[in-house]
Amino acid sequence: MKTLKLVQEAKDTKTPTNTPRNRSINKDDDLIDLFPLPRYFQVHFQHVHENAQDLQGELVQLKDYMAKVDEKLERLMALLSRLPEHAL
């Protein structure tokens, strides 16, 4: 039975030796090599930015909802204040 070429290639690839788990700090290492690549930060900040936009949209919706609830509460309080006290 034939296996897919990509599966074979995936099985043949080994983890790089300079991953953070396998890396130790030597005096010869440049400090910059110990930090993640810029792509990591780009993806991270893009994710944060997208989440911030979603949360701001949700916050606008919640503010609108709260304004409507506040308006209903004011109307109810006005109705209650007009009722005679013996009706309560």
C-alpha atoms as a PDB file:
ATOM      1  CA  MET A   1       0.000   0.000   0.000  1.00  0.00           C
ATOM      2  CA  LYS A   2       1.370   3.398  -0.969  1.00  0.00           C
ATOM      3  CA  THR A   3       1.484   6.219   1.519  1.00  0.00           C
ATOM      4  CA  LEU A   4       1.175   9.810   0.507  1.00  0.00           C
ATOM      5  CA  LYS A   5       4.380  11.646  -0.227  1.00  0.00           C
ATOM      6  CA  LEU A   6       3.514  14.397   2.268  1.00  0.00           C
ATOM      7  CA  VAL A   7       2.945  11.841   5.004  1.00  0.00           C
ATOM      8  CA  GLN A   8       6.307  10.265   4.280  1.00  0.00           C
ATOM      9  CA  GLU A   9       8.005  13.640   4.313  1.00  0.00           C
ATOM     10  CA  ALA A  10       6.305  14.526   7.571  1.00  0.00           C
ATOM     11  CA  LYS A  11       7.549  11.317   9.142  1.00  0.00           C
ATOM     12  CA  ASP A  12      11.085  11.934   7.902  1.00  0.00           C
ATOM     13  CA  THR A  13      11.339  15.459   9.256  1.00  0.00           C
ATOM     14  CA  LYS A  14      12.898  15.848  12.633  1.00  0.00           C
ATOM     15  CA  THR A  15      12.387  18.663  15.101  1.00  0.00           C
ATOM     16  CA  PRO A  16      15.007  21.366  14.766  1.00  0.00           C
ATOM     17  CA  THR A  17      17.720  21.300  17.358  1.00  0.00           C
ATOM     18  CA  ASN A  18      17.422  24.991  18.148  1.00  0.00           C
ATOM     19  CA  THR A  19      13.832  24.997  19.399  1.00  0.00           C
ATOM     20  CA  PRO A  20      13.421  26.738  22.765  1.00  0.00           C
ATOM     21  CA  ARG A  21      13.013  23.416  24.589  1.00  0.00           C
ATOM     22  CA  ASN A  22      16.243  21.980  23.239  1.00  0.00           C
ATOM     23  CA  ARG A  23      18.229  25.176  23.388  1.00  0.00           C
ATOM     24  CA  SER A  24      20.716  26.078  26.044  1.00  0.00           C
ATOM     25  CA  ILE A  25      22.384  29.428  26.441  1.00  0.00           C
ATOM     26  CA  ASN A  26      26.031  29.452  25.515  1.00  0.00           C
ATOM     27  CA  LYS A  27      28.439  32.340  25.675  1.00  0.00           C
ATOM     28  CA  ASP A  28      28.793  32.127  21.879  1.00  0.00           C
ATOM     29  CA  ASP A  29      25.071  32.671  21.230  1.00  0.00           C
ATOM     30  CA  ASP A  30      23.846  36.044  20.134  1.00  0.00           C
ATOM     31  CA  LEU A  31      21.143  37.312  22.433  1.00  0.00           C
ATOM     32  CA  ILE A  32      18.847  38.036  19.492  1.00  0.00           C
ATOM     33  CA  ASP A  33      18.866  34.338  18.476  1.00  0.00           C
ATOM     34  CA  LEU A  34      17.216  33.430  21.767  1.00  0.00           C
ATOM     35  CA  PHE A  35      14.065  35.438  21.038  1.00  0.00           C
ATOM     36  CA  PRO A  36      11.122  34.335  18.861  1.00  0.00           C
ATOM     37  CA  LEU A  37      11.002  35.398  15.240  1.00  0.00           C
ATOM     38  CA  PRO A  38       9.207  38.642  14.298  1.00  0.00           C
ATOM     39  CA  ARG A  39       6.439  36.608  12.629  1.00  0.00           C
ATOM     40  CA  TYR A  40       5.393  35.354  16.093  1.00  0.00           C
ATOM     41  CA  PHE A  41       4.877  38.922  17.281  1.00  0.00           C
ATOM     42  CA  GLN A  42       3.111  39.906  14.069  1.00  0.00           C
ATOM     43  CA  VAL A  43       0.596  37.074  14.468  1.00  0.00           C
ATOM     44  CA  HIS A  44       0.213  37.756  18.197  1.00  0.00           C
ATOM     45  CA  PHE A  45      -0.496  41.461  17.785  1.00  0.00           C
ATOM     46  CA  GLN A  46      -2.808  40.833  14.829  1.00  0.00           C
ATOM     47  CA  HIS A  47      -4.793  38.465  17.055  1.00  0.00           C
ATOM     48  CA  VAL A  48      -4.871  41.032  19.872  1.00  0.00           C
ATOM     49  CA  HIS A  49      -5.966  43.762  17.453  1.00  0.00           C
ATOM     50  CA  GLU A  50      -8.785  41.620  16.017  1.00  0.00           C
ATOM     51  CA  ASN A  51      -9.990  40.693  19.491  1.00  0.00           C
ATOM     52  CA  ALA A  52      -9.899  44.337  20.553  1.00  0.00           C
ATOM     53  CA  GLN A  53     -12.088  45.303  17.588  1.00  0.00           C
ATOM     54  CA  ASP A  54     -14.567  42.518  18.412  1.00  0.00           C
ATOM     55  CA  LEU A  55     -14.680  43.552  22.046  1.00  0.00           C
ATOM     56  CA  GLN A  56     -15.202  47.213  21.146  1.00  0.00           C
ATOM     57  CA  GLY A  57     -18.136  46.206  18.939  1.00  0.00           C
ATOM     58  CA  GLU A  58     -19.591  44.143  21.747  1.00  0.00           C
ATOM     59  CA  LEU A  59     -19.108  47.048  24.152  1.00  0.00           C
ATOM     60  CA  VAL A  60     -21.050  49.371  21.828  1.00  0.00           C
ATOM     61  CA  GLN A  61     -23.897  46.833  21.694  1.00  0.00           C
ATOM     62  CA  LEU A  62     -23.916  46.513  25.488  1.00  0.00           C
ATOM     63  CA  LYS A  63     -23.998  50.289  25.913  1.00  0.00           C
ATOM     64  CA  ASP A  64     -26.998  50.495  23.557  1.00  0.00           C
ATOM     65  CA  TYR A  65     -28.719  47.707  25.477  1.00  0.00           C
ATOM     66  CA  MET A  66     -28.020  49.424  28.804  1.00  0.00           C
ATOM     67  CA  ALA A  67     -29.443  52.699  27.475  1.00  0.00           C
ATOM     68  CA  LYS A  68     -32.660  50.903  26.486  1.00  0.00           C
ATOM     69  CA  VAL A  69     -32.901  49.160  29.861  1.00  0.00           C
ATOM     70  CA  ASP A  70     -32.268  52.454  31.648  1.00  0.00           C
ATOM     71  CA  GLU A  71     -35.027  54.104  29.622  1.00  0.00           C
ATOM     72  CA  LYS A  72     -37.471  51.302  30.476  1.00  0.00           C
ATOM     73  CA  LEU A  73     -36.531  51.548  34.139  1.00  0.00           C
ATOM     74  CA  GLU A  74     -37.180  55.293  34.145  1.00  0.00           C
ATOM     75  CA  ARG A  75     -40.605  54.732  32.574  1.00  0.00           C
ATOM     76  CA  LEU A  76     -41.444  52.072  35.165  1.00  0.00           C
ATOM     77  CA  MET A  77     -40.321  54.330  38.000  1.00  0.00           C
ATOM     78  CA  ALA A  78     -42.456  57.149  36.587  1.00  0.00           C
ATOM     79  CA  LEU A  79     -45.480  54.834  36.405  1.00  0.00           C
ATOM     80  CA  LEU A  80     -44.909  53.633  39.962  1.00  0.00           C
ATOM     81  CA  SER A  81     -44.619  57.166  41.264  1.00  0.00           C
ATOM     82  CA  ARG A  82     -48.018  58.061  39.747  1.00  0.00           C
ATOM     83  CA  LEU A  83     -49.845  55.154  41.387  1.00  0.00           C
ATOM     84  CA  PRO A  84     -51.675  55.919  44.608  1.00  0.00           C
ATOM     85  CA  GLU A  85     -49.897  54.545  47.643  1.00  0.00           C
ATOM     86  CA  HIS A  86     -52.761  52.271  48.671  1.00  0.00           C
ATOM     87  CA  ALA A  87     -52.554  50.490  45.257  1.00  0.00           C
ATOM     88  CA  LEU A  88     -49.070  49.216  46.064  1.00  0.00           C
END
